[in-house]
Amino acid sequence: MKMQKYNNFIIENVNYKYNIGDYVLLDLDKVNKEWKIMDDNGNFLVDDSVLITDISETNYYEVQFYDLGYLHIRQSNIIRQLTSEEIKNYKIKENSLKYNL
């Protein structure tokens, strides 16, 4: 039995592909099926680049958008990790919002 420890609790038989602190790219079409993240005009209300801030024992990732909004998503809604250039862009957007630039 494979066991992993995350945030002081044990998760059995779960193979998490991503870790807390990883920057990942979301499949917004899949996320939109669980959460309404699209406006009436068909535009997404969130960006597809996020930071994983927590992993729950119910097989969900808590992710943070650059505007500091949070959402819980399934691993299947993540496409891949961000490239270093995409991470840089995420941090630029986050700091621009944070410091009103």
N, C-alpha and C. Protein backbone atom coordinates (compact mmCIF):
# COMPACT_ATOMS: atom_id res chain seq x y z
N MET A 1 0.85 -1.18 0.00
CA MET A 1 0.00 0.00 0.00
C MET A 1 0.89 1.24 0.00
N LYS A 2 0.71 2.09 -0.98
CA LYS A 2 1.50 3.31 -1.05
C LYS A 2 0.85 4.39 -0.20
N MET A 3 1.63 5.00 0.67
CA MET A 3 1.10 6.04 1.55
C MET A 3 1.95 7.29 1.40
N GLN A 4 1.31 8.42 1.37
CA GLN A 4 2.01 9.69 1.28
C GLN A 4 1.49 10.61 2.37
N LYS A 5 2.35 11.46 2.88
CA LYS A 5 1.96 12.39 3.94
C LYS A 5 1.89 13.79 3.35
N TYR A 6 0.75 14.43 3.52
CA TYR A 6 0.55 15.81 3.07
C TYR A 6 -0.11 16.58 4.20
N ASN A 7 0.49 17.68 4.58
CA ASN A 7 -0.12 18.58 5.57
C ASN A 7 -0.62 17.86 6.82
N ASN A 8 0.20 16.97 7.35
CA ASN A 8 -0.08 16.26 8.60
C ASN A 8 -1.23 15.28 8.53
N PHE A 9 -1.60 14.80 7.35
CA PHE A 9 -2.53 13.69 7.29
C PHE A 9 -2.02 12.69 6.25
N ILE A 10 -2.43 11.46 6.38
CA ILE A 10 -1.95 10.38 5.52
C ILE A 10 -3.00 10.11 4.44
N ILE A 11 -2.53 9.99 3.23
CA ILE A 11 -3.40 9.66 2.11
C ILE A 11 -2.98 8.28 1.60
N GLU A 12 -3.88 7.34 1.57
CA GLU A 12 -3.56 5.99 1.14
C GLU A 12 -3.97 5.78 -0.32
N ASN A 13 -3.12 5.10 -1.05
CA ASN A 13 -3.40 4.70 -2.43
C ASN A 13 -3.76 5.86 -3.35
N VAL A 14 -3.16 6.98 -3.15
CA VAL A 14 -3.39 8.12 -4.03
C VAL A 14 -2.06 8.48 -4.67
N ASN A 15 -2.05 8.57 -5.96
CA ASN A 15 -0.85 8.95 -6.68
C ASN A 15 -1.00 10.38 -7.19
N TYR A 16 -0.57 11.31 -6.40
CA TYR A 16 -0.63 12.70 -6.81
C TYR A 16 0.52 12.99 -7.77
N LYS A 17 0.18 13.60 -8.88
CA LYS A 17 1.18 13.91 -9.90
C LYS A 17 1.86 15.25 -9.61
N TYR A 18 1.15 16.13 -8.92
CA TYR A 18 1.65 17.48 -8.66
C TYR A 18 1.78 17.71 -7.17
N ASN A 19 2.58 18.69 -6.79
CA ASN A 19 2.85 18.98 -5.39
C ASN A 19 2.45 20.41 -5.05
N ILE A 20 2.34 20.67 -3.76
CA ILE A 20 2.10 22.03 -3.28
C ILE A 20 3.26 22.89 -3.74
N GLY A 21 2.95 24.05 -4.31
CA GLY A 21 3.98 24.95 -4.82
C GLY A 21 4.21 24.83 -6.31
N ASP A 22 3.61 23.81 -6.95
CA ASP A 22 3.73 23.67 -8.40
C ASP A 22 2.81 24.66 -9.09
N TYR A 23 3.28 25.19 -10.19
CA TYR A 23 2.47 26.03 -11.07
C TYR A 23 1.98 25.15 -12.20
N VAL A 24 0.67 25.14 -12.45
CA VAL A 24 0.10 24.23 -13.45
C VAL A 24 -0.87 24.96 -14.38
N LEU A 25 -1.13 24.33 -15.51
CA LEU A 25 -2.05 24.84 -16.51
C LEU A 25 -3.35 24.05 -16.42
N LEU A 26 -4.47 24.75 -16.29
CA LEU A 26 -5.77 24.10 -16.17
C LEU A 26 -6.45 23.92 -17.52
N ASP A 27 -7.25 22.89 -17.62
CA ASP A 27 -8.16 22.72 -18.74
C ASP A 27 -9.46 23.41 -18.33
N LEU A 28 -9.63 24.65 -18.74
CA LEU A 28 -10.77 25.44 -18.27
C LEU A 28 -12.11 24.87 -18.72
N ASP A 29 -12.15 24.20 -19.86
CA ASP A 29 -13.41 23.58 -20.29
C ASP A 29 -13.85 22.50 -19.31
N LYS A 30 -12.90 21.69 -18.83
CA LYS A 30 -13.23 20.66 -17.84
C LYS A 30 -13.62 21.28 -16.50
N VAL A 31 -12.86 22.29 -16.07
CA VAL A 31 -13.16 22.96 -14.80
C VAL A 31 -14.55 23.60 -14.84
N ASN A 32 -14.91 24.15 -16.00
CA ASN A 32 -16.20 24.82 -16.15
C ASN A 32 -17.38 23.85 -15.98
N LYS A 33 -17.15 22.56 -16.18
CA LYS A 33 -18.23 21.59 -15.99
C LYS A 33 -18.59 21.43 -14.51
N GLU A 34 -17.61 21.65 -13.62
CA GLU A 34 -17.86 21.55 -12.18
C GLU A 34 -18.15 22.91 -11.55
N TRP A 35 -17.50 23.95 -12.05
CA TRP A 35 -17.61 25.29 -11.49
C TRP A 35 -17.98 26.24 -12.62
N LYS A 36 -18.88 27.15 -12.37
CA LYS A 36 -19.23 28.13 -13.41
C LYS A 36 -18.15 29.20 -13.44
N ILE A 37 -17.25 29.05 -14.40
CA ILE A 37 -16.14 30.00 -14.52
C ILE A 37 -16.20 30.71 -15.87
N MET A 38 -17.38 30.70 -16.50
CA MET A 38 -17.56 31.34 -17.79
C MET A 38 -18.73 32.31 -17.68
N ASP A 39 -18.58 33.49 -18.29
CA ASP A 39 -19.68 34.45 -18.26
C ASP A 39 -20.69 34.12 -19.36
N ASP A 40 -21.74 34.92 -19.44
CA ASP A 40 -22.82 34.67 -20.40
C ASP A 40 -22.37 34.82 -21.85
N ASN A 41 -21.25 35.51 -22.07
CA ASN A 41 -20.73 35.70 -23.43
C ASN A 41 -19.75 34.62 -23.86
N GLY A 42 -19.52 33.63 -22.98
CA GLY A 42 -18.61 32.55 -23.31
C GLY A 42 -17.15 32.83 -23.00
N ASN A 43 -16.88 33.89 -22.22
CA ASN A 43 -15.51 34.22 -21.83
C ASN A 43 -15.22 33.64 -20.45
N PHE A 44 -14.04 33.08 -20.28
CA PHE A 44 -13.66 32.54 -18.98
C PHE A 44 -13.39 33.69 -18.02
N LEU A 45 -13.82 33.51 -16.77
CA LEU A 45 -13.66 34.53 -15.74
C LEU A 45 -12.33 34.41 -15.01
N VAL A 46 -11.59 33.33 -15.28
CA VAL A 46 -10.32 33.08 -14.60
C VAL A 46 -9.25 32.77 -15.64
N ASP A 47 -8.00 32.87 -15.20
CA ASP A 47 -6.86 32.53 -16.04
C ASP A 47 -6.58 31.04 -15.91
N ASP A 48 -5.94 30.46 -16.91
CA ASP A 48 -5.68 29.02 -16.86
C ASP A 48 -4.39 28.65 -16.14
N SER A 49 -3.61 29.62 -15.70
CA SER A 49 -2.37 29.37 -14.96
C SER A 49 -2.62 29.55 -13.47
N VAL A 50 -2.27 28.53 -12.68
CA VAL A 50 -2.55 28.57 -11.24
C VAL A 50 -1.39 27.99 -10.44
N LEU A 51 -1.40 28.29 -9.14
CA LEU A 51 -0.44 27.77 -8.19
C LEU A 51 -1.16 26.79 -7.27
N ILE A 52 -0.62 25.58 -7.09
CA ILE A 52 -1.22 24.62 -6.16
C ILE A 52 -0.81 25.02 -4.74
N THR A 53 -1.82 25.27 -3.89
CA THR A 53 -1.56 25.73 -2.53
C THR A 53 -1.87 24.68 -1.48
N ASP A 54 -2.64 23.65 -1.83
CA ASP A 54 -2.98 22.62 -0.87
C ASP A 54 -3.47 21.38 -1.62
N ILE A 55 -3.39 20.24 -0.96
CA ILE A 55 -3.90 18.99 -1.50
C ILE A 55 -4.80 18.39 -0.43
N SER A 56 -6.04 18.09 -0.80
CA SER A 56 -6.98 17.58 0.20
C SER A 56 -7.02 16.07 0.19
N GLU A 57 -7.50 15.51 1.28
CA GLU A 57 -7.61 14.06 1.36
C GLU A 57 -8.74 13.52 0.51
N THR A 58 -9.55 14.40 -0.06
CA THR A 58 -10.65 13.97 -0.93
C THR A 58 -10.26 14.03 -2.40
N ASN A 59 -8.96 14.01 -2.68
CA ASN A 59 -8.42 13.94 -4.03
C ASN A 59 -8.64 15.22 -4.83
N TYR A 60 -8.63 16.35 -4.16
CA TYR A 60 -8.74 17.64 -4.83
C TYR A 60 -7.48 18.46 -4.56
N TYR A 61 -7.14 19.31 -5.51
CA TYR A 61 -6.08 20.29 -5.33
C TYR A 61 -6.74 21.64 -5.07
N GLU A 62 -6.20 22.39 -4.12
CA GLU A 62 -6.61 23.78 -3.97
C GLU A 62 -5.63 24.59 -4.78
N VAL A 63 -6.16 25.40 -5.69
CA VAL A 63 -5.29 26.20 -6.56
C VAL A 63 -5.60 27.67 -6.38
N GLN A 64 -4.57 28.49 -6.57
CA GLN A 64 -4.69 29.93 -6.42
C GLN A 64 -4.44 30.59 -7.77
N PHE A 65 -5.35 31.46 -8.15
CA PHE A 65 -5.19 32.25 -9.36
C PHE A 65 -4.34 33.48 -9.03
N TYR A 66 -3.76 34.11 -10.04
CA TYR A 66 -2.89 35.26 -9.78
C TYR A 66 -3.62 36.39 -9.09
N ASP A 67 -4.95 36.46 -9.23
CA ASP A 67 -5.72 37.51 -8.56
C ASP A 67 -6.10 37.11 -7.13
N LEU A 68 -5.48 36.03 -6.64
CA LEU A 68 -5.62 35.50 -5.28
C LEU A 68 -6.94 34.78 -5.03
N GLY A 69 -7.71 34.50 -6.07
CA GLY A 69 -8.89 33.67 -5.93
C GLY A 69 -8.49 32.21 -5.82
N TYR A 70 -9.32 31.42 -5.14
CA TYR A 70 -9.02 30.01 -4.92
C TYR A 70 -10.12 29.14 -5.49
N LEU A 71 -9.76 27.89 -5.81
CA LEU A 71 -10.71 26.92 -6.34
C LEU A 71 -10.19 25.52 -6.02
N HIS A 72 -11.08 24.57 -5.83
CA HIS A 72 -10.69 23.17 -5.62
C HIS A 72 -10.98 22.41 -6.91
N ILE A 73 -9.96 21.72 -7.43
CA ILE A 73 -10.10 21.04 -8.71
C ILE A 73 -9.57 19.61 -8.61
N ARG A 74 -10.00 18.79 -9.54
CA ARG A 74 -9.50 17.41 -9.65
C ARG A 74 -8.20 17.40 -10.44
N GLN A 75 -7.39 16.37 -10.21
CA GLN A 75 -6.14 16.23 -10.95
C GLN A 75 -6.40 16.12 -12.45
N SER A 76 -7.51 15.52 -12.85
CA SER A 76 -7.82 15.35 -14.27
C SER A 76 -8.08 16.68 -14.98
N ASN A 77 -8.26 17.77 -14.21
CA ASN A 77 -8.48 19.09 -14.81
C ASN A 77 -7.18 19.84 -15.06
N ILE A 78 -6.05 19.22 -14.72
CA ILE A 78 -4.75 19.84 -14.93
C ILE A 78 -4.13 19.26 -16.19
N ILE A 79 -3.66 20.13 -17.06
CA ILE A 79 -3.05 19.69 -18.32
C ILE A 79 -1.58 19.34 -18.11
N ARG A 80 -0.84 20.26 -17.49
CA ARG A 80 0.60 20.06 -17.31
C ARG A 80 1.14 21.13 -16.38
N GLN A 81 2.42 20.98 -16.01
CA GLN A 81 3.10 22.03 -15.24
C GLN A 81 3.43 23.19 -16.18
N LEU A 82 3.52 24.39 -15.61
CA LEU A 82 3.87 25.56 -16.40
C LEU A 82 5.37 25.56 -16.72
N THR A 83 5.70 26.18 -17.83
CA THR A 83 7.11 26.38 -18.18
C THR A 83 7.64 27.53 -17.33
N SER A 84 8.95 27.71 -17.32
CA SER A 84 9.53 28.80 -16.53
C SER A 84 9.05 30.16 -17.04
N GLU A 85 8.85 30.30 -18.34
CA GLU A 85 8.34 31.56 -18.89
C GLU A 85 6.90 31.81 -18.45
N GLU A 86 6.08 30.77 -18.40
CA GLU A 86 4.69 30.91 -17.96
C GLU A 86 4.62 31.24 -16.47
N ILE A 87 5.52 30.68 -15.68
CA ILE A 87 5.58 31.00 -14.25
C ILE A 87 5.96 32.46 -14.07
N LYS A 88 6.90 32.93 -14.85
CA LYS A 88 7.31 34.34 -14.80
C LYS A 88 6.12 35.24 -15.11
N ASN A 89 5.34 34.91 -16.13
CA ASN A 89 4.16 35.70 -16.49
C ASN A 89 3.11 35.68 -15.38
N TYR A 90 2.92 34.53 -14.73
CA TYR A 90 1.99 34.42 -13.62
C TYR A 90 2.41 35.39 -12.50
N LYS A 91 3.70 35.37 -12.16
CA LYS A 91 4.19 36.22 -11.07
C LYS A 91 4.11 37.70 -11.44
N ILE A 92 4.32 38.03 -12.70
CA ILE A 92 4.17 39.42 -13.15
C ILE A 92 2.73 39.88 -12.97
N LYS A 93 1.77 39.06 -13.40
CA LYS A 93 0.35 39.40 -13.24
C LYS A 93 -0.01 39.55 -11.77
N GLU A 94 0.48 38.62 -10.94
CA GLU A 94 0.18 38.65 -9.51
C GLU A 94 0.74 39.91 -8.86
N ASN A 95 2.00 40.25 -9.17
CA ASN A 95 2.61 41.44 -8.59
C ASN A 95 1.98 42.72 -9.13
N SER A 96 1.59 42.72 -10.39
CA SER A 96 0.93 43.90 -10.97
C SER A 96 -0.36 44.19 -10.25
N LEU A 97 -1.13 43.15 -9.96
CA LEU A 97 -2.38 43.32 -9.24
C LEU A 97 -2.12 43.72 -7.78
N LYS A 98 -1.14 43.07 -7.18
CA LYS A 98 -0.82 43.30 -5.78
C LYS A 98 -0.35 44.74 -5.54
N TYR A 99 0.45 45.26 -6.44
CA TYR A 99 1.02 46.60 -6.26
C TYR A 99 0.37 47.65 -7.15
N ASN A 100 -0.79 47.32 -7.75
CA ASN A 100 -1.53 48.25 -8.61
C ASN A 100 -0.68 48.84 -9.72
N LEU A 101 0.06 48.00 -10.39
CA LEU A 101 0.92 48.45 -11.49
C LEU A 101 0.19 48.41 -12.81
